[in-house]
Amino acid sequence: MWRLGPGWRVCSSAVLGGGLGPRGWILNAQVPGGYPRLDPDRHLAEIAASEALTGPGAGLMTAADVTAHTVAEDGGVTATVTSGLGVRGWAAEPAAGTDGPLPAGTVNIVVTLPAALSDAALVNAVATATEAKVQALVDAGLDCSGTPTDAVCVAAPAPGTGPGEPFAGPRSRWGARLARAVHRAVLEGALLHARGAPAPDRLRTDERNLA
């Protein structure tokens, strides 16, 4: 859980509060495999309310063990990743649909940057994070580009009087830092998964206050 506070914007594919706009918090919630509810946005709103999170925010879900999250930092950029790789494959893969509940999956990525980004740069940052994720999975020896339910959140301060940093591609200053942080966090999580290592002994609730 990230308590961003006022003055932050998030660009994300989150099931609750997805899109681009002001967000005061981010929540990455663990749910059981074979999740039965058909209203995940409402469920996430209920979880947020139980944690006293108010106002607009972004909520993600995963069946992966959130206590086994991995974190990497680079030049002020922090990437936090939960890695569930039980169901994975290539994005452009002609495959039939699967009936019934799936094993634990989903690679969720939450990135925070200290620099204000323009709208275009925020969108570009999501693309950069996704590229870095795929690179890390391949580097880990996994024959996949991700899972069918991966999600990304990028949070940055809202621009003040100026438009914000114009670029967040992998060769830009902030995009390069973001890419390295995401790559390291995803790679660590993927290698732990491949080795079948036990989850680190961490608290069930990991709260970060960035206000």
Foldseek 3Di string as FASTA:
>chain_A
DEQAAPQKWKAKPFPALHHIDTAGEEEEEADAFQDDDPCVNVVQVVVCVVVVNDDHHGYHYWNAQQLQWFWFFFPQKIKIKGADVQAFAAPPDDDDDDDGTDPTGEIEIEMEHAWAEAPVQNVQLQVLLLVLLQVLCVVLVHHGSGHPRYMYMYMYGHDDPDRTDYHQHCPDPNVVRSSVGSNVRNNVNNNCVVVVPDGPPGDSDDYHYND
